[in-house]
């Protein structure tokens, strides 16, 4: 199980699940955060909430991939210094 320090939570996620009842909204929050931080797919998410997660997952995956690429590029040391004109 990998552990990250955070997860991207978009305003569209909030707008989509805000109208849900508190207990359903909490289940979706937990599913999003568990997936984003620990890569854990929701196992017991009720069928009527699975669509919310399915729509959010590609955005979380894209954000994770961009972050991981940035970390890898950062390990390369950055751009070499420019040559000074003589």
PDB file of N, CA and C in Angstrom:
ATOM      1  N   UNK A   1       0.859  -1.177   0.000  1.00  0.00           N
ATOM      2  CA  UNK A   1       0.000   0.000   0.000  1.00  0.00           C
ATOM      3  C   UNK A   1       0.896   1.228   0.000  1.00  0.00           C
ATOM      4  N   UNK A   2       0.730   2.067  -1.009  1.00  0.00           N
ATOM      5  CA  UNK A   2       1.523   3.287  -1.057  1.00  0.00           C
ATOM      6  C   UNK A   2       0.825   4.386  -0.270  1.00  0.00           C
ATOM      7  N   UNK A   3       1.596   5.327   0.195  1.00  0.00           N
ATOM      8  CA  UNK A   3       1.017   6.422   0.962  1.00  0.00           C
ATOM      9  C   UNK A   3       1.490   7.740   0.371  1.00  0.00           C
ATOM     10  N   UNK A   4       0.570   8.612   0.096  1.00  0.00           N
ATOM     11  CA  UNK A   4       0.875   9.923  -0.453  1.00  0.00           C
ATOM     12  C   UNK A   4       0.564  10.967   0.615  1.00  0.00           C
ATOM     13  N   UNK A   5       0.975  12.172   0.353  1.00  0.00           N
ATOM     14  CA  UNK A   5       0.693  13.236   1.309  1.00  0.00           C
ATOM     15  C   UNK A   5      -0.596  13.970   1.005  1.00  0.00           C
ATOM     16  N   UNK A   6      -1.201  13.715  -0.144  1.00  0.00           N
ATOM     17  CA  UNK A   6      -2.426  14.427  -0.474  1.00  0.00           C
ATOM     18  C   UNK A   6      -3.100  13.862  -1.702  1.00  0.00           C
ATOM     19  N   UNK A   7      -4.218  14.467  -2.026  1.00  0.00           N
ATOM     20  CA  UNK A   7      -4.992  14.045  -3.190  1.00  0.00           C
ATOM     21  C   UNK A   7      -5.663  15.281  -3.773  1.00  0.00           C
ATOM     22  N   UNK A   8      -5.775  15.316  -5.087  1.00  0.00           N
ATOM     23  CA  UNK A   8      -6.469  16.421  -5.736  1.00  0.00           C
ATOM     24  C   UNK A   8      -7.964  16.218  -5.545  1.00  0.00           C
ATOM     25  N   UNK A   9      -8.613  17.234  -5.028  1.00  0.00           N
ATOM     26  CA  UNK A   9     -10.065  17.198  -4.830  1.00  0.00           C
ATOM     27  C   UNK A   9     -10.622  18.413  -5.555  1.00  0.00           C
ATOM     28  N   UNK A  10     -11.257  18.166  -6.691  1.00  0.00           N
ATOM     29  CA  UNK A  10     -11.716  19.246  -7.548  1.00  0.00           C
ATOM     30  C   UNK A  10     -13.049  19.825  -7.075  1.00  0.00           C
ATOM     31  N   UNK A  11     -13.277  21.063  -7.436  1.00  0.00           N
ATOM     32  CA  UNK A  11     -14.549  21.719  -7.110  1.00  0.00           C
ATOM     33  C   UNK A  11     -15.718  20.947  -7.720  1.00  0.00           C
ATOM     34  N   UNK A  12     -15.517  20.361  -8.881  1.00  0.00           N
ATOM     35  CA  UNK A  12     -16.595  19.591  -9.516  1.00  0.00           C
ATOM     36  C   UNK A  12     -16.965  18.369  -8.679  1.00  0.00           C
ATOM     37  N   UNK A  13     -15.992  17.779  -7.975  1.00  0.00           N
ATOM     38  CA  UNK A  13     -16.303  16.669  -7.074  1.00  0.00           C
ATOM     39  C   UNK A  13     -17.253  17.158  -5.980  1.00  0.00           C
ATOM     40  N   UNK A  14     -16.904  18.285  -5.415  1.00  0.00           N
ATOM     41  CA  UNK A  14     -17.692  18.848  -4.319  1.00  0.00           C
ATOM     42  C   UNK A  14     -19.113  19.170  -4.784  1.00  0.00           C
ATOM     43  N   UNK A  15     -19.215  19.786  -5.934  1.00  0.00           N
ATOM     44  CA  UNK A  15     -20.535  20.136  -6.470  1.00  0.00           C
ATOM     45  C   UNK A  15     -21.375  18.898  -6.757  1.00  0.00           C
ATOM     46  N   UNK A  16     -20.734  17.828  -7.218  1.00  0.00           N
ATOM     47  CA  UNK A  16     -21.468  16.611  -7.567  1.00  0.00           C
ATOM     48  C   UNK A  16     -22.014  15.897  -6.343  1.00  0.00           C
ATOM     49  N   UNK A  17     -21.225  15.837  -5.274  1.00  0.00           N
ATOM     50  CA  UNK A  17     -21.667  15.046  -4.119  1.00  0.00           C
ATOM     51  C   UNK A  17     -22.302  15.867  -3.002  1.00  0.00           C
ATOM     52  N   UNK A  18     -22.241  17.174  -3.111  1.00  0.00           N
ATOM     53  CA  UNK A  18     -22.800  18.032  -2.075  1.00  0.00           C
ATOM     54  C   UNK A  18     -24.280  17.750  -1.783  1.00  0.00           C
ATOM     55  N   UNK A  19     -25.113  17.496  -2.794  1.00  0.00           N
ATOM     56  CA  UNK A  19     -26.533  17.250  -2.516  1.00  0.00           C
ATOM     57  C   UNK A  19     -26.832  15.909  -1.829  1.00  0.00           C
ATOM     58  N   UNK A  20     -25.848  15.005  -1.756  1.00  0.00           N
ATOM     59  CA  UNK A  20     -26.095  13.695  -1.155  1.00  0.00           C
ATOM     60  C   UNK A  20     -26.371  13.815   0.340  1.00  0.00           C
ATOM     61  N   UNK A  21     -27.053  12.827   0.864  1.00  0.00           N
ATOM     62  CA  UNK A  21     -27.248  12.738   2.313  1.00  0.00           C
ATOM     63  C   UNK A  21     -25.880  12.584   2.975  1.00  0.00           C
ATOM     64  N   UNK A  22     -25.761  13.020   4.216  1.00  0.00           N
ATOM     65  CA  UNK A  22     -24.470  13.021   4.901  1.00  0.00           C
ATOM     66  C   UNK A  22     -23.771  11.661   4.864  1.00  0.00           C
ATOM     67  N   UNK A  23     -24.492  10.583   5.151  1.00  0.00           N
ATOM     68  CA  UNK A  23     -23.842   9.267   5.203  1.00  0.00           C
ATOM     69  C   UNK A  23     -23.340   8.832   3.823  1.00  0.00           C
ATOM     70  N   UNK A  24     -24.083   9.152   2.756  1.00  0.00           N
ATOM     71  CA  UNK A  24     -23.632   8.821   1.403  1.00  0.00           C
ATOM     72  C   UNK A  24     -22.452   9.695   0.996  1.00  0.00           C
ATOM     73  N   UNK A  25     -22.517  10.968   1.333  1.00  0.00           N
ATOM     74  CA  UNK A  25     -21.423  11.888   1.002  1.00  0.00           C
ATOM     75  C   UNK A  25     -20.139  11.433   1.689  1.00  0.00           C
ATOM     76  N   UNK A  26     -20.223  11.000   2.925  1.00  0.00           N
ATOM     77  CA  UNK A  26     -19.048  10.520   3.655  1.00  0.00           C
ATOM     78  C   UNK A  26     -18.462   9.279   2.981  1.00  0.00           C
ATOM     79  N   UNK A  27     -19.305   8.397   2.498  1.00  0.00           N
ATOM     80  CA  UNK A  27     -18.812   7.198   1.817  1.00  0.00           C
ATOM     81  C   UNK A  27     -18.043   7.566   0.548  1.00  0.00           C
ATOM     82  N   UNK A  28     -18.539   8.557  -0.186  1.00  0.00           N
ATOM     83  CA  UNK A  28     -17.842   8.981  -1.404  1.00  0.00           C
ATOM     84  C   UNK A  28     -16.539   9.686  -1.031  1.00  0.00           C
ATOM     85  N   UNK A  29     -16.564  10.559  -0.021  1.00  0.00           N
ATOM     86  CA  UNK A  29     -15.324  11.206   0.444  1.00  0.00           C
ATOM     87  C   UNK A  29     -14.281  10.149   0.792  1.00  0.00           C
ATOM     88  N   UNK A  30     -14.691   9.170   1.589  1.00  0.00           N
ATOM     89  CA  UNK A  30     -13.750   8.125   1.999  1.00  0.00           C
ATOM     90  C   UNK A  30     -13.211   7.362   0.798  1.00  0.00           C
ATOM     91  N   UNK A  31     -14.072   7.045  -0.160  1.00  0.00           N
ATOM     92  CA  UNK A  31     -13.631   6.318  -1.352  1.00  0.00           C
ATOM     93  C   UNK A  31     -12.602   7.132  -2.136  1.00  0.00           C
ATOM     94  N   UNK A  32     -12.874   8.409  -2.317  1.00  0.00           N
ATOM     95  CA  UNK A  32     -11.955   9.278  -3.067  1.00  0.00           C
ATOM     96  C   UNK A  32     -10.623   9.414  -2.335  1.00  0.00           C
ATOM     97  N   UNK A  33     -10.673   9.665  -1.044  1.00  0.00           N
ATOM     98  CA  UNK A  33      -9.434   9.855  -0.286  1.00  0.00           C
ATOM     99  C   UNK A  33      -8.649   8.559  -0.146  1.00  0.00           C
ATOM    100  N   UNK A  34      -9.321   7.451   0.114  1.00  0.00           N
ATOM    101  CA  UNK A  34      -8.615   6.167   0.214  1.00  0.00           C
ATOM    102  C   UNK A  34      -7.937   5.810  -1.106  1.00  0.00           C
ATOM    103  N   UNK A  35      -8.608   6.097  -2.207  1.00  0.00           N
ATOM    104  CA  UNK A  35      -8.003   5.812  -3.508  1.00  0.00           C
ATOM    105  C   UNK A  35      -6.850   6.778  -3.793  1.00  0.00           C
ATOM    106  N   UNK A  36      -7.083   8.058  -3.569  1.00  0.00           N
ATOM    107  CA  UNK A  36      -6.064   9.056  -3.880  1.00  0.00           C
ATOM    108  C   UNK A  36      -4.815   8.944  -3.026  1.00  0.00           C
ATOM    109  N   UNK A  37      -4.980   8.591  -1.765  1.00  0.00           N
ATOM    110  CA  UNK A  37      -3.836   8.540  -0.850  1.00  0.00           C
ATOM    111  C   UNK A  37      -3.215   7.153  -0.782  1.00  0.00           C
ATOM    112  N   UNK A  38      -4.049   6.120  -0.733  1.00  0.00           N
ATOM    113  CA  UNK A  38      -3.548   4.760  -0.512  1.00  0.00           C
ATOM    114  C   UNK A  38      -3.700   3.831  -1.711  1.00  0.00           C
ATOM    115  N   UNK A  39      -4.219   4.329  -2.839  1.00  0.00           N
ATOM    116  CA  UNK A  39      -4.460   3.508  -4.036  1.00  0.00           C
ATOM    117  C   UNK A  39      -5.440   2.368  -3.766  1.00  0.00           C
ATOM    118  N   UNK A  40      -6.297   2.524  -2.778  1.00  0.00           N
ATOM    119  CA  UNK A  40      -7.261   1.484  -2.412  1.00  0.00           C
ATOM    120  C   UNK A  40      -8.580   1.728  -3.140  1.00  0.00           C
ATOM    121  N   UNK A  41      -8.957   0.795  -3.985  1.00  0.00           N
ATOM    122  CA  UNK A  41     -10.249   0.891  -4.669  1.00  0.00           C
ATOM    123  C   UNK A  41     -11.361   0.587  -3.666  1.00  0.00           C
ATOM    124  N   UNK A  42     -12.470   1.289  -3.774  1.00  0.00           N
ATOM    125  CA  UNK A  42     -13.565   1.055  -2.829  1.00  0.00           C
ATOM    126  C   UNK A  42     -14.163  -0.334  -3.029  1.00  0.00           C
ATOM    127  N   UNK A  43     -14.274  -1.067  -1.941  1.00  0.00           N
ATOM    128  CA  UNK A  43     -14.811  -2.423  -2.020  1.00  0.00           C
ATOM    129  C   UNK A  43     -16.284  -2.478  -1.642  1.00  0.00           C
ATOM    130  N   UNK A  44     -16.704  -1.617  -0.768  1.00  0.00           N
ATOM    131  CA  UNK A  44     -18.068  -1.699  -0.264  1.00  0.00           C
ATOM    132  C   UNK A  44     -18.879  -0.442  -0.556  1.00  0.00           C
ATOM    133  N   UNK A  45     -18.564   0.229  -1.639  1.00  0.00           N
ATOM    134  CA  UNK A  45     -19.307   1.425  -2.009  1.00  0.00           C
ATOM    135  C   UNK A  45     -20.642   0.988  -2.609  1.00  0.00           C
ATOM    136  N   UNK A  46     -21.762   1.461  -2.044  1.00  0.00           N
ATOM    137  CA  UNK A  46     -23.070   1.054  -2.563  1.00  0.00           C
ATOM    138  C   UNK A  46     -23.211   1.386  -4.054  1.00  0.00           C
ATOM    139  N   UNK A  47     -24.002   0.578  -4.731  1.00  0.00           N
ATOM    140  CA  UNK A  47     -24.168   0.713  -6.175  1.00  0.00           C
ATOM    141  C   UNK A  47     -24.592   2.115  -6.585  1.00  0.00           C
ATOM    142  N   UNK A  48     -25.458   2.753  -5.798  1.00  0.00           N
ATOM    143  CA  UNK A  48     -25.940   4.079  -6.194  1.00  0.00           C
ATOM    144  C   UNK A  48     -24.873   5.165  -6.032  1.00  0.00           C
ATOM    145  N   UNK A  49     -23.710   4.821  -5.433  1.00  0.00           N
ATOM    146  CA  UNK A  49     -22.613   5.787  -5.280  1.00  0.00           C
ATOM    147  C   UNK A  49     -21.418   5.447  -6.168  1.00  0.00           C
ATOM    148  N   UNK A  50     -21.404   4.265  -6.738  1.00  0.00           N
ATOM    149  CA  UNK A  50     -20.265   3.846  -7.555  1.00  0.00           C
ATOM    150  C   UNK A  50     -20.055   4.737  -8.771  1.00  0.00           C
ATOM    151  N   UNK A  51     -21.130   5.278  -9.326  1.00  0.00           N
ATOM    152  CA  UNK A  51     -21.014   6.163 -10.483  1.00  0.00           C
ATOM    153  C   UNK A  51     -20.266   7.446 -10.157  1.00  0.00           C
ATOM    154  N   UNK A  52     -20.464   7.964  -8.948  1.00  0.00           N
ATOM    155  CA  UNK A  52     -19.729   9.162  -8.539  1.00  0.00           C
ATOM    156  C   UNK A  52     -18.232   8.884  -8.554  1.00  0.00           C
ATOM    157  N   UNK A  53     -17.855   7.775  -7.936  1.00  0.00           N
ATOM    158  CA  UNK A  53     -16.439   7.427  -7.886  1.00  0.00           C
ATOM    159  C   UNK A  53     -15.894   7.180  -9.291  1.00  0.00           C
ATOM    160  N   UNK A  54     -16.650   6.483 -10.121  1.00  0.00           N
ATOM    161  CA  UNK A  54     -16.195   6.177 -11.482  1.00  0.00           C
ATOM    162  C   UNK A  54     -15.921   7.447 -12.281  1.00  0.00           C
ATOM    163  N   UNK A  55     -16.704   8.485 -12.052  1.00  0.00           N
ATOM    164  CA  UNK A  55     -16.489   9.744 -12.758  1.00  0.00           C
ATOM    165  C   UNK A  55     -15.304  10.538 -12.207  1.00  0.00           C
ATOM    166  N   UNK A  56     -14.984  10.355 -10.935  1.00  0.00           N
ATOM    167  CA  UNK A  56     -13.881  11.084 -10.309  1.00  0.00           C
ATOM    168  C   UNK A  56     -12.536  10.399 -10.521  1.00  0.00           C
ATOM    169  N   UNK A  57     -12.543   9.076 -10.621  1.00  0.00           N
ATOM    170  CA  UNK A  57     -11.305   8.302 -10.694  1.00  0.00           C
ATOM    171  C   UNK A  57     -10.365   8.747 -11.825  1.00  0.00           C
ATOM    172  N   UNK A  58     -10.841   8.982 -13.054  1.00  0.00           N
ATOM    173  CA  UNK A  58      -9.900   9.410 -14.104  1.00  0.00           C
ATOM    174  C   UNK A  58      -9.183  10.725 -13.770  1.00  0.00           C
ATOM    175  N   UNK A  59      -9.871  11.652 -13.132  1.00  0.00           N
ATOM    176  CA  UNK A  59      -9.223  12.906 -12.742  1.00  0.00           C
ATOM    177  C   UNK A  59      -8.167  12.675 -11.668  1.00  0.00           C
ATOM    178  N   UNK A  60      -8.462  11.804 -10.724  1.00  0.00           N
ATOM    179  CA  UNK A  60      -7.486  11.481  -9.675  1.00  0.00           C
ATOM    180  C   UNK A  60      -6.273  10.804 -10.301  1.00  0.00           C
ATOM    181  N   UNK A  61      -6.516   9.859 -11.225  1.00  0.00           N
ATOM    182  CA  UNK A  61      -5.411   9.161 -11.889  1.00  0.00           C
ATOM    183  C   UNK A  61      -4.536  10.127 -12.675  1.00  0.00           C
ATOM    184  N   UNK A  62      -5.148  11.047 -13.400  1.00  0.00           N
ATOM    185  CA  UNK A  62      -4.386  12.033 -14.167  1.00  0.00           C
ATOM    186  C   UNK A  62      -3.525  12.895 -13.248  1.00  0.00           C
ATOM    187  N   UNK A  63      -4.103  13.345 -12.149  1.00  0.00           N
ATOM    188  CA  UNK A  63      -3.349  14.173 -11.204  1.00  0.00           C
ATOM    189  C   UNK A  63      -2.190  13.383 -10.598  1.00  0.00           C
ATOM    190  N   UNK A  64      -2.435  12.116 -10.262  1.00  0.00           N
ATOM    191  CA  UNK A  64      -1.368  11.275  -9.703  1.00  0.00           C
ATOM    192  C   UNK A  64      -0.243  11.092 -10.718  1.00  0.00           C
ATOM    193  N   UNK A  65      -0.619  10.825 -11.979  1.00  0.00           N
ATOM    194  CA  UNK A  65       0.397  10.625 -13.016  1.00  0.00           C
ATOM    195  C   UNK A  65       1.225  11.886 -13.249  1.00  0.00           C
ATOM    196  N   UNK A  66       0.565  13.039 -13.267  1.00  0.00           N
ATOM    197  CA  UNK A  66       1.300  14.299 -13.447  1.00  0.00           C
ATOM    198  C   UNK A  66       2.238  14.549 -12.272  1.00  0.00           C
ATOM    199  N   UNK A  67       1.773  14.277 -11.066  1.00  0.00           N
ATOM    200  CA  UNK A  67       2.607  14.469  -9.876  1.00  0.00           C
ATOM    201  C   UNK A  67       3.820  13.538  -9.932  1.00  0.00           C
ATOM    202  N   UNK A  68       3.575  12.256 -10.229  1.00  0.00           N
ATOM    203  CA  UNK A  68       4.680  11.299 -10.285  1.00  0.00           C
ATOM    204  C   UNK A  68       5.687  11.671 -11.364  1.00  0.00           C
ATOM    205  N   UNK A  69       5.221  12.166 -12.508  1.00  0.00           N
ATOM    206  CA  UNK A  69       6.129  12.599 -13.569  1.00  0.00           C
ATOM    207  C   UNK A  69       6.956  13.795 -13.112  1.00  0.00           C
ATOM    208  N   UNK A  70       6.326  14.721 -12.395  1.00  0.00           N
ATOM    209  CA  UNK A  70       7.055  15.890 -11.889  1.00  0.00           C
ATOM    210  C   UNK A  70       8.124  15.472 -10.878  1.00  0.00           C
ATOM    211  N   UNK A  71       7.799  14.516 -10.029  1.00  0.00           N
ATOM    212  CA  UNK A  71       8.775  14.021  -9.051  1.00  0.00           C
ATOM    213  C   UNK A  71       9.956  13.385  -9.774  1.00  0.00           C
ATOM    214  N   UNK A  72       9.671  12.552 -10.769  1.00  0.00           N
ATOM    215  CA  UNK A  72      10.744  11.908 -11.520  1.00  0.00           C
ATOM    216  C   UNK A  72      11.602  12.932 -12.257  1.00  0.00           C
ATOM    217  N   UNK A  73      10.966  13.919 -12.874  1.00  0.00           N
ATOM    218  CA  UNK A  73      11.727  14.956 -13.569  1.00  0.00           C
ATOM    219  C   UNK A  73      12.558  15.777 -12.592  1.00  0.00           C
ATOM    220  N   UNK A  74      12.047  15.993 -11.411  1.00  0.00           N
ATOM    221  CA  UNK A  74      12.792  16.730 -10.395  1.00  0.00           C
ATOM    222  C   UNK A  74      14.052  16.002  -9.964  1.00  0.00           C
ATOM    223  N   UNK A  75      14.027  14.687 -10.013  1.00  0.00           N
ATOM    224  CA  UNK A  75      15.203  13.891  -9.642  1.00  0.00           C
ATOM    225  C   UNK A  75      16.328  14.031 -10.659  1.00  0.00           C
ATOM    226  N   UNK A  76      15.999  14.522 -11.828  1.00  0.00           N
ATOM    227  CA  UNK A  76      17.011  14.681 -12.881  1.00  0.00           C
ATOM    228  C   UNK A  76      17.855  15.928 -12.676  1.00  0.00           C
ATOM    229  N   UNK A  77      17.488  16.745 -11.721  1.00  0.00           N
ATOM    230  CA  UNK A  77      18.303  17.900 -11.403  1.00  0.00           C
ATOM    231  C   UNK A  77      17.894  19.184 -12.084  1.00  0.00           C
ATOM    232  N   UNK A  78      16.873  19.166 -12.859  1.00  0.00           N
ATOM    233  CA  UNK A  78      16.424  20.399 -13.502  1.00  0.00           C
ATOM    234  C   UNK A  78      17.177  20.692 -14.776  1.00  0.00           C
ATOM    235  N   UNK A  79      16.874  21.840 -15.299  1.00  0.00           N
ATOM    236  CA  UNK A  79      17.470  22.265 -16.564  1.00  0.00           C
ATOM    237  C   UNK A  79      18.923  22.647 -16.350  1.00  0.00           C
ATOM    238  N   UNK A  80      19.805  22.265 -17.293  1.00  0.00           N
ATOM    239  CA  UNK A  80      21.199  22.676 -17.162  1.00  0.00           C
ATOM    240  C   UNK A  80      21.330  24.197 -17.296  1.00  0.00           C
ATOM    241  N   UNK A  81      22.348  24.762 -16.676  1.00  0.00           N
ATOM    242  CA  UNK A  81      22.521  26.214 -16.780  1.00  0.00           C
ATOM    243  C   UNK A  81      22.795  26.643 -18.216  1.00  0.00           C
ATOM    244  N   UNK A  82      22.335  27.838 -18.556  1.00  0.00           N
ATOM    245  CA  UNK A  82      22.581  28.391 -19.900  1.00  0.00           C
ATOM    246  C   UNK A  82      24.056  28.763 -20.028  1.00  0.00           C
ATOM    247  N   UNK A  83      24.542  28.620 -21.232  1.00  0.00           N
ATOM    248  CA  UNK A  83      25.911  29.045 -21.482  1.00  0.00           C
ATOM    249  C   UNK A  83      25.938  30.562 -21.564  1.00  0.00           C
ATOM    250  N   UNK A  84      26.911  31.157 -20.918  1.00  0.00           N
ATOM    251  CA  UNK A  84      27.040  32.624 -20.952  1.00  0.00           C
ATOM    252  C   UNK A  84      27.712  33.041 -22.251  1.00  0.00           C
ATOM    253  N   UNK A  85      27.160  34.063 -22.902  1.00  0.00           N
ATOM    254  CA  UNK A  85      27.789  34.542 -24.142  1.00  0.00           C
ATOM    255  C   UNK A  85      29.151  35.151 -23.846  1.00  0.00           C
ATOM    256  N   UNK A  86      30.084  34.930 -24.768  1.00  0.00           N
ATOM    257  CA  UNK A  86      31.447  35.457 -24.565  1.00  0.00           C
ATOM    258  C   UNK A  86      31.653  36.785 -25.209  1.00  0.00           C
TER     259      UNK A  86
END
